[in-house]
Structure formats: structure tokens, C-alpha cells
Amino acid sequence: MQTPETVLHFWFHELAPEQQFNGGSEIDQLIAERFKELHLQASQGELDSWRSSIQGRLAEIILLDQFSRNIIADKQNHLLLTLWP
């Protein structure tokens, strides 16, 4: 089970600062693989209990704001590669 600490550890310790906002397609794919299901849960309000702590709120913000950009970018890259001959 993934927790707010899982998200925060990944964002602040596993990624270098320059990867957080300009990680490229490899980071997009990694985030999509590791957090797509959790992102879906958050977008459906299933992680509302995370809001009871500061760490949980921050993790939900990262999931819904930044990770959504990475997950969508990964889908766009995949679509482009599929359509490109």
C-alpha cells in the first residue's frame, strides 16, 4: 500500500531537483508506472483521509498537480510514438 510518505520520498529523495519539473520522458514513464493507480484514487477522492496531516496534503498536491502532468505527458509521448511511422 502506498502512503503519503511513499510519494514524498520519491519526490524529494529519489528524484534530483532538476528532475522534478524537467525530468523528460523517462521520468514521466517512471511516475506513470509507479503512481498512475494512486493518482486515479486521488482524483476520485479516495485519498481524502490524507488531508488529515500536512504530509498527506502535500503528497496529494504533488499527486494531483505534478504527477498528473507526468502521467499525461507519458500518454502523449506514447501516442506520438505509436502514430509516428
N, C-alpha and C. Protein backbone atom coordinates (compact mmCIF):
# COMPACT_ATOMS: atom_id res chain seq x y z
N MET A 1 0.83 -1.18 0.00
CA MET A 1 0.00 0.00 0.00
C MET A 1 0.88 1.25 0.00
N GLN A 2 0.55 2.18 -0.88
CA GLN A 2 1.32 3.41 -0.95
C GLN A 2 0.75 4.43 0.03
N THR A 3 1.63 5.19 0.60
CA THR A 3 1.26 6.17 1.62
C THR A 3 1.76 7.55 1.19
N PRO A 4 1.36 8.58 1.92
CA PRO A 4 1.92 9.90 1.62
C PRO A 4 3.45 9.90 1.66
N GLU A 5 4.00 9.15 2.58
CA GLU A 5 5.45 9.08 2.70
C GLU A 5 6.09 8.49 1.45
N THR A 6 5.40 7.56 0.79
CA THR A 6 5.91 6.97 -0.46
C THR A 6 6.06 8.05 -1.52
N VAL A 7 5.03 8.88 -1.65
CA VAL A 7 5.04 9.95 -2.64
C VAL A 7 6.13 10.97 -2.29
N LEU A 8 6.18 11.39 -1.04
CA LEU A 8 7.14 12.40 -0.63
C LEU A 8 8.57 11.90 -0.75
N HIS A 9 8.81 10.65 -0.39
CA HIS A 9 10.16 10.09 -0.51
C HIS A 9 10.59 10.07 -1.97
N PHE A 10 9.70 9.63 -2.84
CA PHE A 10 10.03 9.61 -4.26
C PHE A 10 10.36 11.01 -4.76
N TRP A 11 9.48 11.97 -4.46
CA TRP A 11 9.62 13.33 -4.99
C TRP A 11 10.86 14.04 -4.46
N PHE A 12 11.11 13.93 -3.16
CA PHE A 12 12.18 14.70 -2.54
C PHE A 12 13.50 13.96 -2.38
N HIS A 13 13.49 12.62 -2.48
CA HIS A 13 14.72 11.87 -2.25
C HIS A 13 15.16 11.03 -3.44
N GLU A 14 14.23 10.48 -4.18
CA GLU A 14 14.62 9.65 -5.32
C GLU A 14 14.89 10.48 -6.58
N LEU A 15 14.22 11.61 -6.70
CA LEU A 15 14.45 12.49 -7.85
C LEU A 15 15.42 13.60 -7.47
N ALA A 16 16.27 13.94 -8.41
CA ALA A 16 17.11 15.11 -8.24
C ALA A 16 16.23 16.35 -8.48
N PRO A 17 16.55 17.48 -7.88
CA PRO A 17 15.71 18.67 -8.06
C PRO A 17 15.43 19.01 -9.53
N GLU A 18 16.42 18.85 -10.39
CA GLU A 18 16.21 19.17 -11.80
C GLU A 18 15.27 18.18 -12.50
N GLN A 19 15.09 17.01 -11.92
CA GLN A 19 14.17 16.02 -12.50
C GLN A 19 12.72 16.27 -12.10
N GLN A 20 12.50 17.02 -11.05
CA GLN A 20 11.14 17.22 -10.56
C GLN A 20 10.26 17.94 -11.57
N PHE A 21 10.81 18.86 -12.31
CA PHE A 21 9.99 19.63 -13.25
C PHE A 21 10.44 19.50 -14.70
N ASN A 22 11.61 18.92 -14.93
CA ASN A 22 12.12 18.73 -16.29
C ASN A 22 12.78 17.37 -16.41
N GLY A 23 12.10 16.34 -15.98
CA GLY A 23 12.71 15.02 -15.95
C GLY A 23 12.77 14.32 -17.29
N GLY A 24 11.92 14.71 -18.20
CA GLY A 24 11.91 14.07 -19.51
C GLY A 24 11.03 12.83 -19.54
N SER A 25 11.05 12.17 -20.67
CA SER A 25 10.15 11.05 -20.90
C SER A 25 10.42 9.85 -19.98
N GLU A 26 11.67 9.65 -19.59
CA GLU A 26 11.98 8.53 -18.69
C GLU A 26 11.33 8.73 -17.33
N ILE A 27 11.40 9.95 -16.82
CA ILE A 27 10.78 10.26 -15.53
C ILE A 27 9.26 10.20 -15.66
N ASP A 28 8.73 10.71 -16.75
CA ASP A 28 7.29 10.63 -16.99
C ASP A 28 6.82 9.18 -16.95
N GLN A 29 7.55 8.31 -17.62
CA GLN A 29 7.19 6.89 -17.66
C GLN A 29 7.30 6.27 -16.28
N LEU A 30 8.36 6.58 -15.55
CA LEU A 30 8.55 6.04 -14.21
C LEU A 30 7.42 6.45 -13.29
N ILE A 31 7.05 7.73 -13.33
CA ILE A 31 5.95 8.21 -12.48
C ILE A 31 4.65 7.54 -12.88
N ALA A 32 4.40 7.41 -14.18
CA ALA A 32 3.18 6.75 -14.63
C ALA A 32 3.13 5.30 -14.14
N GLU A 33 4.23 4.59 -14.24
CA GLU A 33 4.27 3.19 -13.81
C GLU A 33 4.05 3.06 -12.31
N ARG A 34 4.67 3.93 -11.54
CA ARG A 34 4.62 3.80 -10.08
C ARG A 34 3.40 4.43 -9.43
N PHE A 35 2.84 5.47 -10.05
CA PHE A 35 1.83 6.25 -9.34
C PHE A 35 0.52 6.45 -10.09
N LYS A 36 0.36 5.85 -11.25
CA LYS A 36 -0.87 6.07 -12.03
C LYS A 36 -2.11 5.64 -11.26
N GLU A 37 -2.07 4.48 -10.65
CA GLU A 37 -3.23 3.99 -9.89
C GLU A 37 -3.51 4.87 -8.67
N LEU A 38 -2.46 5.29 -8.00
CA LEU A 38 -2.62 6.17 -6.84
C LEU A 38 -3.17 7.52 -7.27
N HIS A 39 -2.71 8.01 -8.40
CA HIS A 39 -3.23 9.27 -8.95
C HIS A 39 -4.72 9.14 -9.24
N LEU A 40 -5.12 8.02 -9.80
CA LEU A 40 -6.54 7.78 -10.08
C LEU A 40 -7.35 7.79 -8.78
N GLN A 41 -6.83 7.12 -7.75
CA GLN A 41 -7.52 7.11 -6.46
C GLN A 41 -7.67 8.54 -5.92
N ALA A 42 -6.62 9.32 -6.01
CA ALA A 42 -6.67 10.69 -5.51
C ALA A 42 -7.68 11.52 -6.31
N SER A 43 -7.69 11.34 -7.62
CA SER A 43 -8.60 12.12 -8.46
C SER A 43 -10.06 11.75 -8.23
N GLN A 44 -10.30 10.57 -7.67
CA GLN A 44 -11.66 10.13 -7.37
C GLN A 44 -12.04 10.38 -5.91
N GLY A 45 -11.18 11.08 -5.19
CA GLY A 45 -11.47 11.44 -3.81
C GLY A 45 -11.26 10.32 -2.82
N GLU A 46 -10.59 9.26 -3.23
CA GLU A 46 -10.39 8.11 -2.36
C GLU A 46 -9.26 8.30 -1.34
N LEU A 47 -8.50 9.37 -1.50
CA LEU A 47 -7.40 9.62 -0.57
C LEU A 47 -7.67 10.85 0.31
N ASP A 48 -8.93 11.20 0.46
CA ASP A 48 -9.29 12.36 1.28
C ASP A 48 -8.74 12.26 2.69
N SER A 49 -8.58 11.06 3.19
CA SER A 49 -8.06 10.88 4.55
C SER A 49 -6.62 11.40 4.67
N TRP A 50 -5.91 11.50 3.56
CA TRP A 50 -4.55 12.04 3.58
C TRP A 50 -4.54 13.48 4.05
N ARG A 51 -5.65 14.17 3.90
CA ARG A 51 -5.72 15.59 4.22
C ARG A 51 -5.67 15.86 5.72
N SER A 52 -5.66 14.82 6.52
CA SER A 52 -5.62 15.00 7.97
C SER A 52 -4.22 15.33 8.49
N SER A 53 -3.21 15.26 7.61
CA SER A 53 -1.85 15.62 8.02
C SER A 53 -1.23 16.53 6.97
N ILE A 54 -0.26 17.30 7.39
CA ILE A 54 0.44 18.20 6.47
C ILE A 54 1.15 17.39 5.39
N GLN A 55 1.79 16.29 5.78
CA GLN A 55 2.49 15.46 4.81
C GLN A 55 1.51 14.87 3.79
N GLY A 56 0.37 14.45 4.27
CA GLY A 56 -0.65 13.89 3.39
C GLY A 56 -1.18 14.91 2.41
N ARG A 57 -1.40 16.12 2.88
CA ARG A 57 -1.87 17.19 1.99
C ARG A 57 -0.84 17.49 0.92
N LEU A 58 0.42 17.59 1.31
CA LEU A 58 1.48 17.86 0.34
C LEU A 58 1.58 16.72 -0.67
N ALA A 59 1.51 15.49 -0.21
CA ALA A 59 1.59 14.34 -1.12
C ALA A 59 0.42 14.35 -2.11
N GLU A 60 -0.77 14.70 -1.64
CA GLU A 60 -1.93 14.75 -2.54
C GLU A 60 -1.76 15.87 -3.56
N ILE A 61 -1.22 17.00 -3.15
CA ILE A 61 -0.97 18.09 -4.09
C ILE A 61 0.03 17.65 -5.17
N ILE A 62 1.10 17.00 -4.76
CA ILE A 62 2.09 16.51 -5.72
C ILE A 62 1.44 15.52 -6.68
N LEU A 63 0.66 14.61 -6.15
CA LEU A 63 -0.04 13.62 -7.00
C LEU A 63 -0.95 14.29 -8.02
N LEU A 64 -1.80 15.20 -7.55
CA LEU A 64 -2.81 15.77 -8.42
C LEU A 64 -2.28 16.89 -9.32
N ASP A 65 -1.24 17.56 -8.89
CA ASP A 65 -0.70 18.64 -9.71
C ASP A 65 0.45 18.14 -10.59
N GLN A 66 1.54 17.78 -9.97
CA GLN A 66 2.73 17.46 -10.76
C GLN A 66 2.64 16.09 -11.43
N PHE A 67 2.24 15.07 -10.68
CA PHE A 67 2.22 13.73 -11.28
C PHE A 67 1.22 13.64 -12.42
N SER A 68 0.13 14.40 -12.34
CA SER A 68 -0.83 14.37 -13.45
C SER A 68 -0.16 14.86 -14.73
N ARG A 69 0.71 15.85 -14.62
CA ARG A 69 1.43 16.36 -15.80
C ARG A 69 2.34 15.28 -16.36
N ASN A 70 3.04 14.56 -15.48
CA ASN A 70 3.93 13.50 -15.94
C ASN A 70 3.15 12.35 -16.57
N ILE A 71 2.05 11.98 -15.96
CA ILE A 71 1.25 10.85 -16.47
C ILE A 71 0.65 11.21 -17.82
N ILE A 72 0.14 12.42 -17.97
CA ILE A 72 -0.42 12.85 -19.25
C ILE A 72 0.68 12.96 -20.30
N ALA A 73 1.83 13.49 -19.93
CA ALA A 73 2.95 13.60 -20.86
C ALA A 73 3.37 12.23 -21.35
N ASP A 74 3.39 11.26 -20.45
CA ASP A 74 3.77 9.90 -20.84
C ASP A 74 2.78 9.35 -21.87
N LYS A 75 1.49 9.59 -21.67
CA LYS A 75 0.48 9.12 -22.62
C LYS A 75 0.65 9.83 -23.96
N GLN A 76 0.94 11.13 -23.93
CA GLN A 76 1.13 11.87 -25.18
C GLN A 76 2.35 11.35 -25.92
N ASN A 77 3.44 11.10 -25.19
CA ASN A 77 4.65 10.56 -25.83
C ASN A 77 4.37 9.19 -26.42
N HIS A 78 3.65 8.35 -25.69
CA HIS A 78 3.34 7.01 -26.18
C HIS A 78 2.48 7.11 -27.44
N LEU A 79 1.50 8.00 -27.44
CA LEU A 79 0.63 8.17 -28.59
C LEU A 79 1.42 8.65 -29.80
N LEU A 80 2.31 9.61 -29.58
CA LEU A 80 3.13 10.11 -30.68
C LEU A 80 4.02 9.01 -31.26
N LEU A 81 4.62 8.22 -30.40
CA LEU A 81 5.48 7.13 -30.88
C LEU A 81 4.68 6.07 -31.61
N THR A 82 3.44 5.85 -31.18
CA THR A 82 2.60 4.87 -31.84
C THR A 82 2.17 5.35 -33.23
N LEU A 83 1.89 6.63 -33.35
CA LEU A 83 1.40 7.18 -34.61
C LEU A 83 2.52 7.49 -35.60
N TRP A 84 3.71 7.73 -35.07
CA TRP A 84 4.84 8.10 -35.93
C TRP A 84 5.37 6.87 -36.64
N PRO A 85 5.47 6.92 -37.98
CA PRO A 85 5.94 5.73 -38.73
C PRO A 85 7.40 5.43 -38.50
